[in-house]
Amino acid sequence: MQGLYDTRKGLILSLAIIAFLMAFIAPAAISYPIKAGFITLRNEGIGSSAWALLTGGIGLLLLSILFIVLGYVQRPLLKIGLAIILLIGSITGVLLSIRDYYYITKDEIVINGPFTLAESKYGWSDIAEYEEQVLKINGTLTVDKVIFTTKTGEIYEFTGGRMLGTMKEIAKSRVQSAGGTIVRTEMD
């Protein structure tokens, strides 16, 4: 019986180590491709905030701790209580990571920001202003932030990721074609 018990603990510890390592790899290497696979094929660019990496990593770290609790906590009530709390936290972190995305299509921009499960869709004609905030670094202007302001007053800021890469030019062109204002602000 002792050999079986030690094997079970070893397996649980192995799962904990795997979950711990995945916390640093999986949010970028696994969840982003999953998002890209399930988001409409009409998209012209998909991105995600840095929060998606953080919440996914925390969710997987909590899963790692959950395995350790299941393998090493001896008191049944404490084990069950901690397991439930850690499982809820783990699922929440991974879910928030997977649901944190934005993408653009020919007709609209779709935003599901960090810490929300609600998706917002805006046609390009619904965007009143597209703003690029630029910084001068070593004599070169670099886009630091992209801000969309809708006609109803919602403001969406993008400070990294794909929006500052290839997507910003497509979005700028679409907003301008739909009659929106384009602003470029130089920051200090």
N, C-alpha and C. Protein backbone atom coordinates (compact mmCIF):
# COMPACT_ATOMS: atom_id res chain seq x y z
N MET A 1 0.82 -1.19 0.00
CA MET A 1 0.00 0.00 0.00
C MET A 1 0.87 1.27 0.00
N GLN A 2 1.96 1.24 0.70
CA GLN A 2 2.83 2.42 0.78
C GLN A 2 3.37 2.79 -0.60
N GLY A 3 3.73 1.80 -1.44
CA GLY A 3 4.26 2.06 -2.77
C GLY A 3 3.24 2.75 -3.66
N LEU A 4 1.97 2.33 -3.59
CA LEU A 4 0.92 2.94 -4.37
C LEU A 4 0.69 4.38 -3.92
N TYR A 5 0.71 4.62 -2.63
CA TYR A 5 0.52 5.96 -2.08
C TYR A 5 1.64 6.89 -2.54
N ASP A 6 2.88 6.41 -2.50
CA ASP A 6 4.01 7.23 -2.94
C ASP A 6 3.94 7.50 -4.44
N THR A 7 3.48 6.52 -5.22
CA THR A 7 3.33 6.71 -6.66
C THR A 7 2.28 7.78 -6.94
N ARG A 8 1.18 7.78 -6.20
CA ARG A 8 0.13 8.78 -6.37
C ARG A 8 0.66 10.17 -6.04
N LYS A 9 1.41 10.29 -4.96
CA LYS A 9 2.00 11.59 -4.59
C LYS A 9 2.98 12.05 -5.66
N GLY A 10 3.77 11.13 -6.17
CA GLY A 10 4.73 11.48 -7.22
C GLY A 10 4.04 11.95 -8.49
N LEU A 11 2.94 11.30 -8.85
CA LEU A 11 2.16 11.70 -10.03
C LEU A 11 1.56 13.08 -9.83
N ILE A 12 1.00 13.31 -8.66
CA ILE A 12 0.39 14.61 -8.37
C ILE A 12 1.45 15.72 -8.36
N LEU A 13 2.61 15.43 -7.79
CA LEU A 13 3.70 16.42 -7.80
C LEU A 13 4.16 16.69 -9.23
N SER A 14 4.21 15.66 -10.05
CA SER A 14 4.58 15.85 -11.46
C SER A 14 3.58 16.75 -12.18
N LEU A 15 2.28 16.52 -11.94
CA LEU A 15 1.25 17.37 -12.54
C LEU A 15 1.38 18.81 -12.05
N ALA A 16 1.71 18.99 -10.78
CA ALA A 16 1.90 20.33 -10.23
C ALA A 16 3.07 21.04 -10.91
N ILE A 17 4.15 20.32 -11.14
CA ILE A 17 5.32 20.90 -11.79
C ILE A 17 4.99 21.25 -13.24
N ILE A 18 4.27 20.37 -13.92
CA ILE A 18 3.89 20.64 -15.31
C ILE A 18 2.99 21.88 -15.38
N ALA A 19 2.00 21.98 -14.49
CA ALA A 19 1.11 23.15 -14.46
C ALA A 19 1.90 24.42 -14.14
N PHE A 20 2.87 24.31 -13.24
CA PHE A 20 3.70 25.47 -12.90
C PHE A 20 4.49 25.95 -14.12
N LEU A 21 5.10 25.03 -14.84
CA LEU A 21 5.86 25.41 -16.05
C LEU A 21 4.95 25.95 -17.14
N MET A 22 3.77 25.36 -17.28
CA MET A 22 2.82 25.83 -18.29
C MET A 22 2.32 27.23 -17.99
N ALA A 23 2.34 27.63 -16.73
CA ALA A 23 1.89 28.98 -16.37
C ALA A 23 2.72 30.04 -17.07
N PHE A 24 3.96 29.73 -17.39
CA PHE A 24 4.84 30.69 -18.05
C PHE A 24 4.81 30.57 -19.57
N ILE A 25 4.35 29.42 -20.07
CA ILE A 25 4.39 29.17 -21.51
C ILE A 25 3.01 29.22 -22.14
N ALA A 26 2.05 28.59 -21.51
CA ALA A 26 0.74 28.36 -22.11
C ALA A 26 -0.05 29.61 -22.49
N PRO A 27 -0.06 30.68 -21.68
CA PRO A 27 -0.89 31.81 -22.09
C PRO A 27 -0.54 32.35 -23.47
N ALA A 28 0.72 32.37 -23.82
CA ALA A 28 1.11 32.88 -25.14
C ALA A 28 1.15 31.78 -26.19
N ALA A 29 1.65 30.62 -25.82
CA ALA A 29 1.89 29.56 -26.80
C ALA A 29 0.67 28.70 -27.08
N ILE A 30 -0.29 28.66 -26.16
CA ILE A 30 -1.44 27.78 -26.35
C ILE A 30 -2.74 28.58 -26.47
N SER A 31 -3.01 29.50 -25.54
CA SER A 31 -4.31 30.17 -25.56
C SER A 31 -4.45 31.12 -26.75
N TYR A 32 -3.37 31.77 -27.17
CA TYR A 32 -3.48 32.67 -28.33
C TYR A 32 -3.85 31.91 -29.60
N PRO A 33 -3.19 30.78 -29.91
CA PRO A 33 -3.62 30.02 -31.10
C PRO A 33 -5.05 29.48 -30.99
N ILE A 34 -5.49 29.13 -29.77
CA ILE A 34 -6.87 28.68 -29.59
C ILE A 34 -7.83 29.82 -29.93
N LYS A 35 -7.53 31.03 -29.44
CA LYS A 35 -8.36 32.18 -29.76
C LYS A 35 -8.41 32.40 -31.27
N ALA A 36 -7.25 32.36 -31.89
CA ALA A 36 -7.17 32.60 -33.32
C ALA A 36 -7.97 31.55 -34.10
N GLY A 37 -8.03 30.32 -33.60
CA GLY A 37 -8.76 29.27 -34.27
C GLY A 37 -10.26 29.39 -34.14
N PHE A 38 -10.74 29.98 -33.06
CA PHE A 38 -12.18 30.07 -32.82
C PHE A 38 -12.79 31.41 -33.21
N ILE A 39 -11.96 32.40 -33.45
CA ILE A 39 -12.48 33.70 -33.87
C ILE A 39 -12.71 33.65 -35.37
N THR A 40 -13.70 34.37 -35.82
CA THR A 40 -14.13 34.35 -37.22
C THR A 40 -12.96 34.37 -38.21
N LEU A 41 -13.12 33.63 -39.26
CA LEU A 41 -12.08 33.58 -40.29
C LEU A 41 -12.04 34.86 -41.12
N ARG A 42 -13.04 35.73 -40.96
CA ARG A 42 -13.06 36.99 -41.69
C ARG A 42 -12.11 38.03 -41.08
N ASN A 43 -11.46 37.69 -39.98
CA ASN A 43 -10.63 38.68 -39.29
C ASN A 43 -9.40 39.02 -40.13
N GLU A 44 -8.94 40.24 -39.92
CA GLU A 44 -7.73 40.71 -40.60
C GLU A 44 -6.61 40.92 -39.60
N GLY A 45 -6.86 40.63 -38.37
CA GLY A 45 -5.86 40.76 -37.32
C GLY A 45 -6.49 40.48 -35.98
N ILE A 46 -5.80 39.68 -35.17
CA ILE A 46 -6.28 39.32 -33.84
C ILE A 46 -5.21 39.72 -32.83
N GLY A 47 -5.65 40.28 -31.72
CA GLY A 47 -4.70 40.65 -30.68
C GLY A 47 -5.28 40.35 -29.31
N SER A 48 -4.47 40.58 -28.32
CA SER A 48 -4.83 40.29 -26.95
C SER A 48 -4.03 41.23 -26.05
N SER A 49 -4.58 41.58 -24.90
CA SER A 49 -3.84 42.48 -24.01
C SER A 49 -2.82 41.70 -23.18
N ALA A 50 -1.93 42.43 -22.55
CA ALA A 50 -0.95 41.80 -21.67
C ALA A 50 -1.63 41.16 -20.46
N TRP A 51 -2.80 41.65 -20.10
CA TRP A 51 -3.55 41.07 -18.99
C TRP A 51 -3.91 39.62 -19.27
N ALA A 52 -4.10 39.26 -20.54
CA ALA A 52 -4.45 37.87 -20.88
C ALA A 52 -3.32 36.93 -20.47
N LEU A 53 -2.09 37.37 -20.66
CA LEU A 53 -0.95 36.55 -20.25
C LEU A 53 -0.90 36.42 -18.74
N LEU A 54 -1.16 37.51 -18.05
CA LEU A 54 -1.09 37.51 -16.59
C LEU A 54 -2.21 36.66 -15.98
N THR A 55 -3.45 36.87 -16.41
CA THR A 55 -4.55 36.10 -15.82
C THR A 55 -4.44 34.62 -16.15
N GLY A 56 -4.02 34.28 -17.36
CA GLY A 56 -3.83 32.87 -17.71
C GLY A 56 -2.71 32.23 -16.90
N GLY A 57 -1.62 32.97 -16.71
CA GLY A 57 -0.51 32.46 -15.91
C GLY A 57 -0.90 32.24 -14.46
N ILE A 58 -1.64 33.19 -13.90
CA ILE A 58 -2.09 33.04 -12.51
C ILE A 58 -3.05 31.86 -12.39
N GLY A 59 -3.93 31.70 -13.37
CA GLY A 59 -4.86 30.56 -13.34
C GLY A 59 -4.12 29.24 -13.34
N LEU A 60 -3.06 29.13 -14.13
CA LEU A 60 -2.30 27.88 -14.17
C LEU A 60 -1.43 27.71 -12.92
N LEU A 61 -0.95 28.80 -12.34
CA LEU A 61 -0.24 28.69 -11.06
C LEU A 61 -1.16 28.18 -9.96
N LEU A 62 -2.40 28.66 -9.96
CA LEU A 62 -3.37 28.18 -8.97
C LEU A 62 -3.69 26.70 -9.19
N LEU A 63 -3.69 26.26 -10.45
CA LEU A 63 -3.88 24.84 -10.74
C LEU A 63 -2.72 24.02 -10.19
N SER A 64 -1.52 24.55 -10.32
CA SER A 64 -0.34 23.87 -9.77
C SER A 64 -0.46 23.72 -8.25
N ILE A 65 -0.88 24.78 -7.59
CA ILE A 65 -1.06 24.73 -6.14
C ILE A 65 -2.18 23.76 -5.77
N LEU A 66 -3.22 23.71 -6.60
CA LEU A 66 -4.32 22.77 -6.37
C LEU A 66 -3.81 21.33 -6.36
N PHE A 67 -2.95 20.97 -7.29
CA PHE A 67 -2.39 19.61 -7.31
C PHE A 67 -1.59 19.32 -6.04
N ILE A 68 -0.83 20.30 -5.60
CA ILE A 68 -0.05 20.10 -4.37
C ILE A 68 -0.98 19.90 -3.17
N VAL A 69 -2.04 20.70 -3.10
CA VAL A 69 -3.01 20.55 -2.01
C VAL A 69 -3.65 19.16 -2.04
N LEU A 70 -4.03 18.70 -3.23
CA LEU A 70 -4.66 17.38 -3.34
C LEU A 70 -3.71 16.26 -2.94
N GLY A 71 -2.43 16.44 -3.20
CA GLY A 71 -1.48 15.38 -2.89
C GLY A 71 -0.92 15.40 -1.48
N TYR A 72 -0.88 16.56 -0.85
CA TYR A 72 -0.13 16.65 0.40
C TYR A 72 -0.91 17.13 1.61
N VAL A 73 -2.08 17.71 1.45
CA VAL A 73 -2.86 18.13 2.62
C VAL A 73 -3.60 16.91 3.16
N GLN A 74 -3.46 16.67 4.43
CA GLN A 74 -4.02 15.45 5.04
C GLN A 74 -5.43 15.64 5.58
N ARG A 75 -5.76 16.81 6.06
CA ARG A 75 -7.08 17.03 6.68
C ARG A 75 -8.14 17.16 5.59
N PRO A 76 -9.15 16.26 5.58
CA PRO A 76 -10.13 16.22 4.48
C PRO A 76 -10.91 17.52 4.27
N LEU A 77 -11.40 18.13 5.33
CA LEU A 77 -12.18 19.37 5.16
C LEU A 77 -11.32 20.50 4.63
N LEU A 78 -10.11 20.62 5.14
CA LEU A 78 -9.20 21.64 4.65
C LEU A 78 -8.85 21.39 3.18
N LYS A 79 -8.60 20.14 2.85
CA LYS A 79 -8.26 19.77 1.48
C LYS A 79 -9.40 20.14 0.52
N ILE A 80 -10.62 19.79 0.88
CA ILE A 80 -11.78 20.07 0.02
C ILE A 80 -12.00 21.57 -0.11
N GLY A 81 -11.92 22.30 1.00
CA GLY A 81 -12.12 23.75 0.97
C GLY A 81 -11.09 24.45 0.11
N LEU A 82 -9.82 24.12 0.33
CA LEU A 82 -8.76 24.74 -0.47
C LEU A 82 -8.88 24.35 -1.95
N ALA A 83 -9.23 23.10 -2.20
CA ALA A 83 -9.36 22.63 -3.59
C ALA A 83 -10.46 23.39 -4.33
N ILE A 84 -11.58 23.62 -3.67
CA ILE A 84 -12.68 24.35 -4.30
C ILE A 84 -12.27 25.79 -4.61
N ILE A 85 -11.64 26.45 -3.65
CA ILE A 85 -11.20 27.83 -3.84
C ILE A 85 -10.17 27.92 -4.97
N LEU A 86 -9.20 27.02 -4.95
CA LEU A 86 -8.16 27.04 -5.98
C LEU A 86 -8.71 26.69 -7.36
N LEU A 87 -9.65 25.76 -7.42
CA LEU A 87 -10.25 25.40 -8.70
C LEU A 87 -11.04 26.57 -9.29
N ILE A 88 -11.81 27.25 -8.46
CA ILE A 88 -12.57 28.42 -8.93
C ILE A 88 -11.61 29.50 -9.42
N GLY A 89 -10.55 29.77 -8.66
CA GLY A 89 -9.57 30.77 -9.07
C GLY A 89 -8.87 30.38 -10.36
N SER A 90 -8.53 29.12 -10.50
CA SER A 90 -7.85 28.64 -11.69
C SER A 90 -8.74 28.77 -12.93
N ILE A 91 -9.97 28.32 -12.81
CA ILE A 91 -10.90 28.42 -13.94
C ILE A 91 -11.15 29.87 -14.31
N THR A 92 -11.31 30.73 -13.32
CA THR A 92 -11.54 32.15 -13.57
C THR A 92 -10.35 32.76 -14.32
N GLY A 93 -9.13 32.49 -13.87
CA GLY A 93 -7.94 33.04 -14.53
C GLY A 93 -7.80 32.58 -15.97
N VAL A 94 -8.00 31.30 -16.22
CA VAL A 94 -7.89 30.78 -17.58
C VAL A 94 -9.01 31.33 -18.46
N LEU A 95 -10.23 31.40 -17.92
CA LEU A 95 -11.36 31.93 -18.69
C LEU A 95 -11.15 33.39 -19.05
N LEU A 96 -10.68 34.19 -18.10
CA LEU A 96 -10.42 35.60 -18.39
C LEU A 96 -9.32 35.74 -19.45
N SER A 97 -8.35 34.86 -19.42
CA SER A 97 -7.28 34.89 -20.41
C SER A 97 -7.82 34.57 -21.81
N ILE A 98 -8.61 33.55 -21.90
CA ILE A 98 -9.15 33.13 -23.21
C ILE A 98 -10.13 34.16 -23.75
N ARG A 99 -10.88 34.82 -22.88
CA ARG A 99 -11.89 35.79 -23.32
C ARG A 99 -11.34 37.20 -23.49
N ASP A 100 -10.05 37.41 -23.37
CA ASP A 100 -9.43 38.71 -23.55
C ASP A 100 -8.85 38.77 -24.96
N TYR A 101 -9.56 39.45 -25.88
CA TYR A 101 -9.10 39.53 -27.26
C TYR A 101 -9.71 40.75 -27.95
N TYR A 102 -9.17 41.06 -29.09
CA TYR A 102 -9.77 42.03 -29.99
C TYR A 102 -9.40 41.60 -31.40
N TYR A 103 -10.26 41.91 -32.34
CA TYR A 103 -9.94 41.63 -33.73
C TYR A 103 -10.67 42.61 -34.64
N ILE A 104 -10.15 42.74 -35.83
CA ILE A 104 -10.77 43.62 -36.81
C ILE A 104 -11.15 42.81 -38.05
N THR A 105 -12.24 43.23 -38.66
CA THR A 105 -12.67 42.66 -39.93
C THR A 105 -12.87 43.83 -40.90
N LYS A 106 -13.29 43.51 -42.08
CA LYS A 106 -13.55 44.56 -43.07
C LYS A 106 -14.63 45.52 -42.60
N ASP A 107 -15.59 45.00 -41.80
CA ASP A 107 -16.75 45.80 -41.41
C ASP A 107 -16.74 46.34 -39.99
N GLU A 108 -15.91 45.76 -39.09
CA GLU A 108 -16.04 46.14 -37.68
C GLU A 108 -14.77 45.85 -36.89
N ILE A 109 -14.77 46.40 -35.67
CA ILE A 109 -13.77 46.05 -34.67
C ILE A 109 -14.53 45.41 -33.51
N VAL A 110 -14.02 44.29 -33.03
CA VAL A 110 -14.65 43.56 -31.93
C VAL A 110 -13.66 43.54 -30.77
N ILE A 111 -14.12 43.96 -29.60
CA ILE A 111 -13.26 44.09 -28.43
C ILE A 111 -13.88 43.34 -27.27
N ASN A 112 -13.11 42.45 -26.68
CA ASN A 112 -13.51 41.79 -25.43
C ASN A 112 -12.33 42.01 -24.50
N GLY A 113 -12.39 43.07 -23.75
CA GLY A 113 -11.26 43.52 -22.95
C GLY A 113 -10.95 42.67 -21.74
N PRO A 114 -9.89 43.04 -21.04
CA PRO A 114 -9.51 42.30 -19.84
C PRO A 114 -10.58 42.40 -18.75
N PHE A 115 -10.71 41.33 -17.98
CA PHE A 115 -11.61 41.25 -16.83
C PHE A 115 -13.08 41.40 -17.20
N THR A 116 -13.43 41.03 -18.41
CA THR A 116 -14.83 41.04 -18.82
C THR A 116 -15.09 39.84 -19.73
N LEU A 117 -16.30 39.38 -19.72
CA LEU A 117 -16.68 38.30 -20.61
C LEU A 117 -17.60 38.80 -21.71
N ALA A 118 -17.88 40.11 -21.71
CA ALA A 118 -18.80 40.71 -22.68
C ALA A 118 -18.03 41.26 -23.88
N GLU A 119 -18.50 40.92 -25.05
CA GLU A 119 -17.89 41.36 -26.29
C GLU A 119 -18.59 42.61 -26.79
N SER A 120 -17.81 43.59 -27.27
CA SER A 120 -18.37 44.81 -27.85
C SER A 120 -17.99 44.87 -29.31
N LYS A 121 -18.98 45.13 -30.17
CA LYS A 121 -18.74 45.22 -31.62
C LYS A 121 -19.08 46.62 -32.08
N TYR A 122 -18.19 47.18 -32.89
CA TYR A 122 -18.40 48.52 -33.44
C TYR A 122 -18.11 48.50 -34.92
N GLY A 123 -19.07 48.96 -35.71
CA GLY A 123 -18.81 49.17 -37.12
C GLY A 123 -17.83 50.32 -37.26
N TRP A 124 -17.12 50.37 -38.35
CA TRP A 124 -16.12 51.43 -38.50
C TRP A 124 -16.76 52.81 -38.48
N SER A 125 -18.02 52.91 -38.91
CA SER A 125 -18.71 54.21 -38.85
C SER A 125 -19.11 54.58 -37.43
N ASP A 126 -19.03 53.63 -36.48
CA ASP A 126 -19.34 53.92 -35.08
C ASP A 126 -18.15 54.53 -34.33
N ILE A 127 -16.99 54.53 -34.96
CA ILE A 127 -15.78 55.09 -34.33
C ILE A 127 -15.68 56.56 -34.71
N ALA A 128 -15.75 57.43 -33.72
CA ALA A 128 -15.68 58.87 -33.97
C ALA A 128 -14.24 59.33 -34.17
N GLU A 129 -13.30 58.75 -33.39
CA GLU A 129 -11.92 59.23 -33.45
C GLU A 129 -10.94 58.08 -33.25
N TYR A 130 -9.90 58.11 -34.04
CA TYR A 130 -8.76 57.20 -33.91
C TYR A 130 -7.57 58.09 -33.56
N GLU A 131 -6.95 57.82 -32.42
CA GLU A 131 -5.81 58.63 -31.98
C GLU A 131 -4.58 57.76 -31.79
N GLU A 132 -3.47 58.25 -32.31
CA GLU A 132 -2.18 57.63 -32.05
C GLU A 132 -1.37 58.57 -31.17
N GLN A 133 -0.94 58.09 -30.03
CA GLN A 133 -0.05 58.88 -29.18
C GLN A 133 1.35 58.38 -29.46
N VAL A 134 2.22 59.30 -29.85
CA VAL A 134 3.58 58.93 -30.25
C VAL A 134 4.61 59.53 -29.29
N LEU A 135 5.70 58.83 -29.14
CA LEU A 135 6.83 59.29 -28.34
C LEU A 135 8.03 59.44 -29.25
N LYS A 136 8.90 60.40 -28.92
CA LYS A 136 10.14 60.55 -29.65
C LYS A 136 11.22 59.83 -28.86
N ILE A 137 11.74 58.75 -29.46
CA ILE A 137 12.80 57.95 -28.84
C ILE A 137 14.00 57.97 -29.75
N ASN A 138 15.10 58.54 -29.25
CA ASN A 138 16.33 58.68 -30.04
C ASN A 138 16.08 59.35 -31.38
N GLY A 139 15.24 60.38 -31.38
CA GLY A 139 14.97 61.13 -32.59
C GLY A 139 13.95 60.51 -33.52
N THR A 140 13.39 59.36 -33.17
CA THR A 140 12.42 58.68 -34.02
C THR A 140 11.07 58.64 -33.32
N LEU A 141 10.01 58.99 -34.05
CA LEU A 141 8.67 58.92 -33.49
C LEU A 141 8.18 57.47 -33.51
N THR A 142 7.68 57.02 -32.35
CA THR A 142 7.19 55.65 -32.20
C THR A 142 5.80 55.70 -31.58
N VAL A 143 4.87 54.92 -32.13
CA VAL A 143 3.51 54.88 -31.60
C VAL A 143 3.55 54.16 -30.24
N ASP A 144 3.08 54.86 -29.21
CA ASP A 144 3.07 54.32 -27.85
C ASP A 144 1.69 53.79 -27.47
N LYS A 145 0.64 54.40 -28.02
CA LYS A 145 -0.72 54.03 -27.63
C LYS A 145 -1.66 54.35 -28.79
N VAL A 146 -2.65 53.49 -29.00
CA VAL A 146 -3.72 53.73 -29.96
C VAL A 146 -5.01 53.80 -29.17
N ILE A 147 -5.81 54.85 -29.43
CA ILE A 147 -7.05 55.06 -28.69
C ILE A 147 -8.21 55.19 -29.69
N PHE A 148 -9.24 54.39 -29.47
CA PHE A 148 -10.47 54.49 -30.25
C PHE A 148 -11.52 55.14 -29.36
N THR A 149 -12.21 56.15 -29.87
CA THR A 149 -13.34 56.75 -29.17
C THR A 149 -14.57 56.55 -30.04
N THR A 150 -15.58 55.92 -29.47
CA THR A 150 -16.81 55.67 -30.23
C THR A 150 -17.70 56.91 -30.21
N LYS A 151 -18.68 56.91 -31.07
CA LYS A 151 -19.61 58.03 -31.12
C LYS A 151 -20.48 58.11 -29.86
N THR A 152 -20.58 57.01 -29.13
CA THR A 152 -21.35 57.01 -27.88
C THR A 152 -20.49 57.33 -26.67
N GLY A 153 -19.19 57.58 -26.89
CA GLY A 153 -18.30 58.02 -25.81
C GLY A 153 -17.43 56.96 -25.18
N GLU A 154 -17.56 55.68 -25.56
CA GLU A 154 -16.65 54.66 -25.01
C GLU A 154 -15.25 54.89 -25.55
N ILE A 155 -14.27 54.64 -24.69
CA ILE A 155 -12.86 54.82 -25.06
C ILE A 155 -12.13 53.51 -24.86
N TYR A 156 -11.40 53.08 -25.88
CA TYR A 156 -10.61 51.85 -25.82
C TYR A 156 -9.16 52.20 -26.13
N GLU A 157 -8.28 51.86 -25.19
CA GLU A 157 -6.86 52.15 -25.34
C GLU A 157 -6.08 50.86 -25.55
N PHE A 158 -5.16 50.89 -26.50
CA PHE A 158 -4.29 49.75 -26.78
C PHE A 158 -2.84 50.22 -26.63
N THR A 159 -2.14 49.60 -25.70
CA THR A 159 -0.77 50.05 -25.40
C THR A 159 0.29 49.02 -25.80
N GLY A 160 -0.10 48.01 -26.49
CA GLY A 160 0.87 47.01 -26.90
C GLY A 160 0.23 45.99 -27.79
N GLY A 161 0.96 44.96 -28.09
CA GLY A 161 0.43 43.86 -28.87
C GLY A 161 0.32 44.19 -30.35
N ARG A 162 -0.54 43.45 -31.01
CA ARG A 162 -0.67 43.55 -32.46
C ARG A 162 -1.28 44.87 -32.91
N MET A 163 -2.05 45.53 -32.03
CA MET A 163 -2.65 46.80 -32.44
C MET A 163 -1.58 47.83 -32.74
N LEU A 164 -0.47 47.78 -32.02
CA LEU A 164 0.61 48.73 -32.30
C LEU A 164 1.49 48.25 -33.45
N GLY A 165 1.25 47.06 -33.91
CA GLY A 165 2.00 46.52 -35.04
C GLY A 165 1.24 46.76 -36.33
N THR A 166 0.90 45.70 -37.00
CA THR A 166 0.28 45.79 -38.32
C THR A 166 -1.18 46.23 -38.28
N MET A 167 -1.88 45.99 -37.21
CA MET A 167 -3.31 46.28 -37.17
C MET A 167 -3.63 47.77 -37.16
N LYS A 168 -2.74 48.60 -36.64
CA LYS A 168 -3.06 50.01 -36.50
C LYS A 168 -3.26 50.70 -37.85
N GLU A 169 -2.51 50.31 -38.83
CA GLU A 169 -2.64 50.94 -40.15
C GLU A 169 -3.95 50.54 -40.82
N ILE A 170 -4.35 49.29 -40.68
CA ILE A 170 -5.63 48.84 -41.23
C ILE A 170 -6.77 49.56 -40.52
N ALA A 171 -6.71 49.62 -39.18
CA ALA A 171 -7.77 50.28 -38.40
C ALA A 171 -7.84 51.76 -38.74
N LYS A 172 -6.70 52.42 -38.84
CA LYS A 172 -6.67 53.85 -39.16
C LYS A 172 -7.34 54.10 -40.52
N SER A 173 -7.00 53.29 -41.49
CA SER A 173 -7.57 53.42 -42.82
C SER A 173 -9.08 53.21 -42.81
N ARG A 174 -9.54 52.22 -42.07
CA ARG A 174 -10.99 51.93 -42.02
C ARG A 174 -11.75 53.04 -41.31
N VAL A 175 -11.21 53.57 -40.21
CA VAL A 175 -11.88 54.66 -39.51
C VAL A 175 -11.95 55.89 -40.40
N GLN A 176 -10.85 56.19 -41.09
CA GLN A 176 -10.81 57.36 -41.96
C GLN A 176 -11.79 57.19 -43.13
N SER A 177 -11.86 56.01 -43.71
CA SER A 177 -12.79 55.75 -44.82
C SER A 177 -14.25 55.87 -44.38
N ALA A 178 -14.52 55.57 -43.12
CA ALA A 178 -15.89 55.64 -42.60
C ALA A 178 -16.24 57.04 -42.09
N GLY A 179 -15.32 58.00 -42.21
CA GLY A 179 -15.62 59.37 -41.83
C GLY A 179 -15.16 59.76 -40.44
N GLY A 180 -14.42 58.91 -39.77
CA GLY A 180 -13.92 59.23 -38.43
C GLY A 180 -12.72 60.16 -38.49
N THR A 181 -12.42 60.77 -37.36
CA THR A 181 -11.29 61.69 -37.24
C THR A 181 -10.03 60.92 -36.88
N ILE A 182 -8.92 61.33 -37.51
CA ILE A 182 -7.62 60.74 -37.21
C ILE A 182 -6.79 61.79 -36.49
N VAL A 183 -6.27 61.45 -35.31
CA VAL A 183 -5.48 62.38 -34.51
C VAL A 183 -4.13 61.71 -34.20
N ARG A 184 -3.07 62.49 -34.29
CA ARG A 184 -1.74 62.01 -33.92
C ARG A 184 -1.18 63.00 -32.92
N THR A 185 -0.96 62.53 -31.69
CA THR A 185 -0.53 63.39 -30.60
C THR A 185 0.88 63.01 -30.18
N GLU A 186 1.78 64.00 -30.15
CA GLU A 186 3.14 63.73 -29.68
C GLU A 186 3.20 63.95 -28.18
N MET A 187 3.64 62.92 -27.46
CA MET A 187 3.72 62.98 -26.01
C MET A 187 5.17 63.32 -25.61
N ASP A 188 5.30 63.81 -24.40
CA ASP A 188 6.65 64.16 -23.90
C ASP A 188 7.32 62.95 -23.30
